[in-house]
Amino acid sequence: MIVGNLPSAELRRRLTAPGLRIRIGPVVAQIQSSSEVVRSCIALHYAAHELAAADEFADFRVSLQESRGLARLFRPPKAIFGFDGTPPFQPLPAHQGFALLEWGLNWAIAAYCHQYLIVHAAIVERDDRALLLPAPPGSGKSIIALQFICEAIRHGGKAALFVFDEEIGLLFDRAKPLGFDLAALRDAGHLHIQQLDAAELSPGEFAHRVRATIQDPTVKTVVIDSLNGYQAAMPQENSLILHMHEILQFLNRHGVSTFLTVAQQGMMGDMRSPVDITYLADSVIMLRFFEARGSVKRAISVVEERTGRHEATIREFWIDGGLHVGEPLTNFQGVLRGVPLILGENPSAAAAALQE
């Protein structure tokens, strides 16, 4: 069950006492507040978030209350953020209560869950042309695209997902244990999802479907998974590039953020894409498999961001009940080639860190 399924009265009751428990990625937060501003904003921005059971452990217990007592008679009310019953920040004006709650949650996760805050979604801008995810099969590119979809929905928008490479039912089953309840998002009207068969689809028909979806002005995120399936409907590679250029221009003019995945040929070493459209993308996130101490690991890095600065490090990441990103692989060289060399004064420690 998600927050959007709660009636307004039930949402108000849970927020007042004992607290609303929602799942935010890999953590559970218990939120308590009697503010109507906070209640309405949670109903809007957290509608797609899964509710946690009442007896499930809460990683963070936070509250947002407005100042009370005689002080309200002489000055405007204040919003007070509480973390485990203690206010770690100075109060803000009451109308900024929801913003203070968001900042407080970000602070709590940043202070106690460092491994979840490495790759920040700010590398994607609202009016970017596209973000490209080139990666070998099975490396997690579709899961990362789903993460961006859920974040876009959480911020009040809608998203569209065009799936070429997987049956929708299997996708729903695979994504739910990772915290992505795609069926609930679809049923709530937040996610438009279409399964496409490249053998029965012409390039013009696909462009028409994209245009029809964007007729809803609240759809501001589009994911195409993957370009390999779309390419199968194209007679030549050049035709694919021309069609994608037109589609991305159309989406860009409508202020839509587009996410493209492409499965590269091979698993390790020299990786090649069946089609190179990196010049069409404003941002490129690269995923790689690499070997370390007899184990196969995954690495993630941002290799292109045209509109601003970005982190240049290569980090290990893994999928275990959600996405987890580790520390920079500073003691390794050649990660993108698949078989890195261990550097530094204490190579055994670096290898042991990856072995954990």
Protein backbone atom coordinates (compact mmCIF):
# COMPACT_ATOMS: atom_id res chain seq x y z
CA MET A 1 0.00 0.00 0.00
CA ILE A 2 1.24 3.49 -0.82
CA VAL A 3 0.63 6.89 0.77
CA GLY A 4 -1.63 7.96 -2.11
CA ASN A 5 -4.13 5.21 -1.19
CA LEU A 6 -4.74 6.64 2.29
CA PRO A 7 -7.89 8.74 2.75
CA SER A 8 -7.18 12.28 3.92
CA ALA A 9 -8.62 11.62 7.38
CA GLU A 10 -6.52 8.49 7.88
CA LEU A 11 -3.37 10.29 6.74
CA ARG A 12 -4.07 13.07 9.24
CA ARG A 13 -4.67 10.53 12.02
CA ARG A 14 -1.43 8.64 11.38
CA LEU A 15 0.62 11.84 11.18
CA THR A 16 -0.81 13.08 14.47
CA ALA A 17 -0.18 9.86 16.41
CA PRO A 18 1.68 7.58 16.50
CA GLY A 19 3.32 8.73 13.26
CA LEU A 20 3.26 7.90 9.55
CA ARG A 21 5.77 5.19 8.63
CA ILE A 22 6.92 5.36 5.02
CA ARG A 23 9.67 3.65 3.10
CA ILE A 24 12.20 6.05 1.56
CA GLY A 25 14.51 3.91 -0.54
CA PRO A 26 16.31 1.52 1.84
CA VAL A 27 15.19 3.20 5.08
CA VAL A 28 11.92 3.59 7.00
CA ALA A 29 11.06 7.00 8.41
CA GLN A 30 8.39 7.67 11.02
CA ILE A 31 7.00 11.17 10.55
CA GLN A 32 4.82 12.92 13.13
CA SER A 33 3.18 16.29 12.55
CA SER A 34 -0.08 18.11 13.23
CA SER A 35 0.63 20.76 10.57
CA GLU A 36 -1.90 20.87 7.74
CA VAL A 37 0.79 22.27 5.44
CA VAL A 38 2.94 19.22 6.08
CA ARG A 39 0.00 16.85 5.65
CA SER A 40 -1.01 18.28 2.26
CA CYS A 41 2.59 18.31 1.01
CA ILE A 42 3.17 14.70 2.09
CA ALA A 43 -0.04 13.66 0.33
CA LEU A 44 1.28 15.28 -2.86
CA HIS A 45 5.01 14.59 -2.85
CA TYR A 46 5.06 11.20 -1.12
CA ALA A 47 1.96 9.73 -2.77
CA ALA A 48 3.97 7.01 -4.53
CA HIS A 49 5.90 5.92 -1.44
CA GLU A 50 5.21 2.56 0.15
CA LEU A 51 3.78 2.49 3.67
CA ALA A 52 5.72 0.48 6.27
CA ALA A 53 3.99 -1.80 8.76
CA ALA A 54 3.15 -0.34 12.17
CA ASP A 55 5.45 -2.83 13.90
CA GLU A 56 8.34 -2.43 11.45
CA PHE A 57 11.53 -0.87 12.81
CA ALA A 58 11.85 2.84 11.95
CA ASP A 59 15.38 3.94 11.07
CA PHE A 60 14.51 7.58 11.77
CA ARG A 61 11.84 9.15 13.97
CA VAL A 62 11.28 12.75 13.01
CA SER A 63 8.62 15.33 13.74
CA LEU A 64 7.57 18.74 12.53
CA GLN A 65 5.48 20.78 14.95
CA GLU A 66 4.46 24.42 15.11
CA SER A 67 5.31 26.56 18.13
CA ARG A 68 2.64 26.80 20.80
CA GLY A 69 1.87 28.87 23.85
CA LEU A 70 1.65 32.60 24.45
CA ALA A 71 4.57 33.31 22.13
CA ARG A 72 2.26 32.81 19.13
CA LEU A 73 0.21 35.79 20.25
CA PHE A 74 3.13 38.19 19.83
CA ARG A 75 5.10 36.80 16.86
CA PRO A 76 4.44 34.57 13.83
CA PRO A 77 4.37 30.81 14.56
CA LYS A 78 7.54 28.79 13.97
CA ALA A 79 8.13 25.29 12.56
CA ILE A 80 10.26 23.07 14.80
CA PHE A 81 11.98 19.97 13.45
CA GLY A 82 12.57 17.13 15.89
CA PHE A 83 14.94 14.17 15.56
CA ASP A 84 14.32 11.46 18.18
CA GLY A 85 12.59 14.11 20.28
CA THR A 86 15.43 16.65 20.07
CA PRO A 87 15.40 19.78 17.84
CA PRO A 88 18.83 19.85 16.11
CA PHE A 89 18.11 23.08 14.17
CA GLN A 90 16.78 26.54 14.80
CA PRO A 91 13.04 26.95 14.06
CA LEU A 92 11.88 28.42 10.74
CA PRO A 93 8.67 30.29 9.83
CA ALA A 94 5.68 27.94 9.92
CA HIS A 95 5.00 28.23 6.18
CA GLN A 96 8.43 26.65 5.56
CA GLY A 97 7.56 23.61 7.66
CA PHE A 98 7.57 21.02 4.88
CA ALA A 99 10.88 22.33 3.51
CA LEU A 100 12.37 22.05 7.01
CA LEU A 101 11.07 18.47 7.26
CA GLU A 102 12.72 17.58 3.92
CA TRP A 103 16.01 19.20 4.93
CA GLY A 104 15.89 17.42 8.26
CA LEU A 105 15.32 14.02 6.66
CA ASN A 106 18.19 14.64 4.23
CA TRP A 107 20.42 15.63 7.15
CA ALA A 108 19.47 12.49 9.11
CA ILE A 109 20.22 10.14 6.21
CA ALA A 110 23.43 11.98 5.35
CA ALA A 111 24.60 11.80 8.96
CA TYR A 112 23.86 8.12 9.54
CA CYS A 113 23.58 6.37 6.14
CA HIS A 114 26.58 7.57 4.15
CA GLN A 115 26.50 4.70 1.66
CA TYR A 116 23.16 5.87 0.22
CA LEU A 117 24.21 9.42 -0.69
CA ILE A 118 27.06 9.08 -3.14
CA VAL A 119 25.56 9.58 -6.61
CA HIS A 120 23.16 12.50 -6.37
CA ALA A 121 20.25 12.91 -8.77
CA ALA A 122 21.12 16.60 -9.23
CA ILE A 123 23.20 15.56 -12.25
CA VAL A 124 19.85 15.38 -14.07
CA GLU A 125 18.28 18.71 -14.88
CA ARG A 126 14.63 19.24 -15.76
CA ASP A 127 15.28 20.59 -19.26
CA ASP A 128 18.17 18.31 -20.21
CA ARG A 129 17.83 16.54 -23.54
CA ALA A 130 18.61 13.06 -22.22
CA LEU A 131 20.59 10.94 -19.80
CA LEU A 132 22.20 7.83 -21.30
CA LEU A 133 22.97 4.63 -19.35
CA PRO A 134 25.33 2.44 -21.43
CA ALA A 135 26.16 -0.80 -19.62
CA PRO A 136 26.58 -4.55 -20.08
CA PRO A 137 23.51 -6.77 -19.62
CA GLY A 138 22.55 -7.39 -15.99
CA SER A 139 24.63 -4.55 -14.55
CA GLY A 140 21.65 -2.60 -13.13
CA LYS A 141 20.92 0.09 -15.71
CA SER A 142 17.15 -0.58 -15.69
CA ILE A 143 17.04 -0.45 -11.87
CA ILE A 144 18.81 2.91 -11.87
CA ALA A 145 16.30 4.20 -14.44
CA LEU A 146 13.46 3.05 -12.18
CA GLN A 147 15.05 4.98 -9.31
CA PHE A 148 14.87 8.18 -11.36
CA ILE A 149 11.24 7.42 -12.23
CA CYS A 150 10.26 7.07 -8.57
CA GLU A 151 12.11 10.26 -7.62
CA ALA A 152 10.31 12.19 -10.37
CA ILE A 153 6.94 10.88 -9.14
CA ARG A 154 7.84 11.71 -5.53
CA HIS A 155 8.35 15.33 -6.55
CA GLY A 156 4.81 15.57 -7.89
CA GLY A 157 5.20 14.64 -11.55
CA LYS A 158 4.23 11.68 -13.69
CA ALA A 159 6.46 9.37 -15.71
CA ALA A 160 6.25 7.18 -18.80
CA LEU A 161 8.15 3.91 -19.24
CA PHE A 162 8.53 2.26 -22.65
CA VAL A 163 9.79 -1.32 -22.26
CA PHE A 164 11.25 -3.19 -25.23
CA ASP A 165 13.24 -5.95 -23.56
CA GLU A 166 11.07 -7.40 -20.79
CA GLU A 167 7.54 -8.60 -20.15
CA ILE A 168 5.71 -6.17 -17.87
CA GLY A 169 4.62 -8.80 -15.36
CA LEU A 170 8.19 -10.01 -14.91
CA LEU A 171 9.38 -6.42 -14.56
CA PHE A 172 6.83 -5.78 -11.81
CA ASP A 173 7.88 -8.93 -9.95
CA ARG A 174 11.59 -8.14 -10.28
CA ALA A 175 11.27 -4.50 -9.21
CA LYS A 176 9.00 -4.90 -6.18
CA PRO A 177 11.56 -6.56 -3.85
CA LEU A 178 13.87 -3.63 -4.62
CA GLY A 179 11.32 -1.10 -3.37
CA PHE A 180 9.70 -0.17 -6.71
CA ASP A 181 5.98 -0.98 -6.67
CA LEU A 182 5.37 -0.23 -10.34
CA ALA A 183 1.89 -1.79 -10.38
CA ALA A 184 0.74 0.53 -7.58
CA LEU A 185 2.22 3.56 -9.36
CA ARG A 186 0.45 2.57 -12.57
CA ASP A 187 -2.89 1.96 -10.84
CA ALA A 188 -2.61 5.34 -9.07
CA GLY A 189 -2.14 7.09 -12.41
CA HIS A 190 1.43 8.24 -11.71
CA LEU A 191 3.14 5.92 -14.21
CA HIS A 192 2.28 5.27 -17.86
CA ILE A 193 3.93 2.01 -18.90
CA GLN A 194 3.87 0.34 -22.30
CA GLN A 195 5.41 -2.95 -23.42
CA LEU A 196 6.59 -2.77 -27.02
CA ASP A 197 7.36 -5.53 -29.51
CA ALA A 198 10.07 -4.41 -31.92
CA ALA A 199 8.92 -7.00 -34.47
CA GLU A 200 5.49 -5.36 -34.72
CA LEU A 201 6.49 -1.72 -34.32
CA SER A 202 7.51 0.84 -36.90
CA PRO A 203 9.71 3.81 -35.95
CA GLY A 204 6.91 6.22 -36.77
CA GLU A 205 4.46 4.34 -34.56
CA PHE A 206 6.82 4.53 -31.59
CA ALA A 207 7.29 8.28 -32.08
CA HIS A 208 3.51 8.66 -32.22
CA ARG A 209 3.11 6.80 -28.92
CA VAL A 210 5.69 9.03 -27.26
CA ARG A 211 3.96 12.16 -28.54
CA ALA A 212 0.56 10.88 -27.36
CA THR A 213 1.91 10.24 -23.86
CA ILE A 214 3.35 13.74 -23.59
CA GLN A 215 -0.07 15.22 -24.28
CA ASP A 216 -0.48 14.95 -20.51
CA PRO A 217 1.45 18.05 -19.35
CA THR A 218 2.23 16.46 -15.98
CA VAL A 219 4.39 13.76 -17.61
CA LYS A 220 7.91 15.16 -17.22
CA THR A 221 10.00 11.98 -17.23
CA VAL A 222 10.32 9.39 -20.01
CA VAL A 223 12.37 6.19 -19.87
CA ILE A 224 13.15 4.11 -22.98
CA ASP A 225 14.45 0.66 -21.98
CA SER A 226 16.29 -0.07 -24.13
CA LEU A 227 17.62 1.31 -27.39
CA ASN A 228 18.65 -2.21 -28.41
CA GLY A 229 15.02 -3.19 -28.71
CA TYR A 230 14.19 -0.01 -30.60
CA GLN A 231 17.09 -0.64 -32.95
CA ALA A 232 15.60 -4.00 -33.87
CA ALA A 233 12.71 -2.12 -35.46
CA MET A 234 15.09 0.01 -37.55
CA PRO A 235 16.56 -1.09 -40.89
CA GLN A 236 19.84 0.79 -40.38
CA GLU A 237 21.78 2.39 -37.53
CA ASN A 238 21.71 5.84 -39.15
CA SER A 239 17.92 5.75 -39.19
CA LEU A 240 17.87 5.07 -35.45
CA ILE A 241 20.09 8.07 -34.76
CA LEU A 242 17.90 10.37 -36.86
CA HIS A 243 14.69 9.15 -35.21
CA MET A 244 16.14 9.47 -31.70
CA HIS A 245 17.37 12.98 -32.51
CA GLU A 246 13.84 13.99 -33.50
CA ILE A 247 12.22 12.33 -30.48
CA LEU A 248 14.68 13.89 -28.04
CA GLN A 249 14.25 17.33 -29.58
CA PHE A 250 10.47 17.00 -29.21
CA LEU A 251 10.74 15.90 -25.58
CA ASN A 252 13.27 18.62 -24.80
CA ARG A 253 10.95 21.33 -26.16
CA HIS A 254 8.27 20.06 -23.76
CA GLY A 255 10.59 20.18 -20.74
CA VAL A 256 10.77 16.39 -20.39
CA SER A 257 13.77 14.58 -18.89
CA THR A 258 14.54 11.48 -20.95
CA PHE A 259 16.43 8.40 -19.77
CA LEU A 260 17.84 5.95 -22.31
CA THR A 261 19.41 2.59 -21.57
CA VAL A 262 21.59 0.69 -24.02
CA ALA A 263 23.03 -2.80 -23.51
CA GLN A 264 26.64 -2.95 -24.62
CA GLN A 265 28.23 -5.97 -26.23
CA GLY A 266 30.36 -8.10 -23.92
CA MET A 267 30.62 -8.34 -20.16
CA MET A 268 34.13 -7.11 -19.30
CA GLY A 269 37.10 -5.54 -21.01
CA ASP A 270 36.55 -3.69 -24.28
CA MET A 271 32.85 -2.80 -24.35
CA ARG A 272 31.09 -1.70 -27.52
CA SER A 273 27.64 -0.22 -27.99
CA PRO A 274 25.52 -1.39 -30.93
CA VAL A 275 24.80 2.27 -31.62
CA ASP A 276 26.61 5.39 -30.41
CA ILE A 277 24.28 8.23 -29.46
CA THR A 278 26.33 9.69 -26.63
CA TYR A 279 26.56 12.98 -28.51
CA LEU A 280 22.78 13.33 -28.20
CA ALA A 281 22.84 13.02 -24.40
CA ASP A 282 23.52 15.79 -21.90
CA SER A 283 24.55 13.28 -19.22
CA VAL A 284 26.08 9.81 -19.37
CA ILE A 285 26.28 7.38 -16.43
CA MET A 286 28.49 4.37 -17.16
CA LEU A 287 28.21 1.01 -15.43
CA ARG A 288 30.85 -1.73 -15.55
CA PHE A 289 31.56 -5.20 -14.22
CA PHE A 290 35.05 -5.76 -12.85
CA GLU A 291 36.90 -8.61 -11.17
CA ALA A 292 38.47 -8.33 -7.71
CA ARG A 293 39.84 -11.17 -5.61
CA GLY A 294 37.81 -13.85 -7.36
CA SER A 295 34.50 -11.94 -7.23
CA VAL A 296 32.55 -10.05 -9.88
CA LYS A 297 31.80 -6.46 -8.79
CA ARG A 298 29.90 -3.54 -10.30
CA ALA A 299 31.26 -0.02 -10.79
CA ILE A 300 29.44 3.25 -11.54
CA SER A 301 30.75 6.59 -12.76
CA VAL A 302 29.43 9.79 -14.33
CA VAL A 303 31.43 10.36 -17.52
CA GLU A 304 29.55 13.31 -19.03
CA GLU A 305 27.53 16.24 -17.74
CA ARG A 306 27.35 19.13 -20.17
CA THR A 307 25.45 21.60 -18.02
CA GLY A 308 27.62 21.58 -14.91
CA ARG A 309 30.27 19.92 -12.80
CA HIS A 310 29.97 16.32 -11.67
CA GLU A 311 31.82 13.79 -9.57
CA ALA A 312 34.61 12.14 -11.56
CA THR A 313 35.31 9.21 -9.25
CA ILE A 314 34.56 5.55 -9.95
CA ARG A 315 32.64 3.84 -7.17
CA GLU A 316 31.53 0.31 -6.47
CA PHE A 317 27.79 -0.26 -6.25
CA TRP A 318 25.62 -3.26 -5.55
CA ILE A 319 21.95 -4.24 -5.55
CA ASP A 320 20.65 -5.77 -2.33
CA GLY A 321 17.10 -4.77 -1.46
CA GLY A 322 17.84 -1.46 -3.24
CA LEU A 323 20.76 0.43 -4.71
CA HIS A 324 23.87 0.86 -2.58
CA VAL A 325 26.92 2.91 -3.57
CA GLY A 326 30.30 2.53 -1.88
CA GLU A 327 33.40 4.65 -1.47
CA PRO A 328 35.58 5.75 -4.45
CA LEU A 329 37.85 3.00 -5.77
CA THR A 330 40.97 5.11 -5.22
CA ASN A 331 43.25 2.12 -4.64
CA PHE A 332 42.43 0.51 -7.97
CA GLN A 333 43.43 1.34 -11.52
CA GLY A 334 41.86 -0.13 -14.63
CA VAL A 335 38.39 -0.72 -13.18
CA LEU A 336 36.72 0.19 -16.47
CA ARG A 337 38.84 -2.43 -18.26
CA GLY A 338 37.38 -5.13 -16.01
CA VAL A 339 40.54 -6.39 -14.28
CA PRO A 340 41.94 -3.57 -12.10
CA LEU A 341 45.38 -3.33 -10.54
CA ILE A 342 45.66 -2.71 -6.79
CA LEU A 343 47.62 0.45 -5.98
CA GLY A 344 48.70 2.26 -2.83
CA GLU A 345 50.78 1.42 0.20
CA ASN A 346 48.35 -1.14 1.56
CA PRO A 347 46.89 -3.08 -1.38
CA SER A 348 45.67 -5.96 0.77
CA ALA A 349 43.40 -3.60 2.70
CA ALA A 350 41.88 -2.31 -0.53
CA ALA A 351 41.24 -5.84 -1.75
CA ALA A 352 39.79 -6.84 1.60
CA ALA A 353 37.38 -3.87 1.48
CA LEU A 354 35.98 -5.09 -1.83
CA GLN A 355 35.83 -8.66 -0.58
CA GLU A 356 33.43 -7.71 2.25
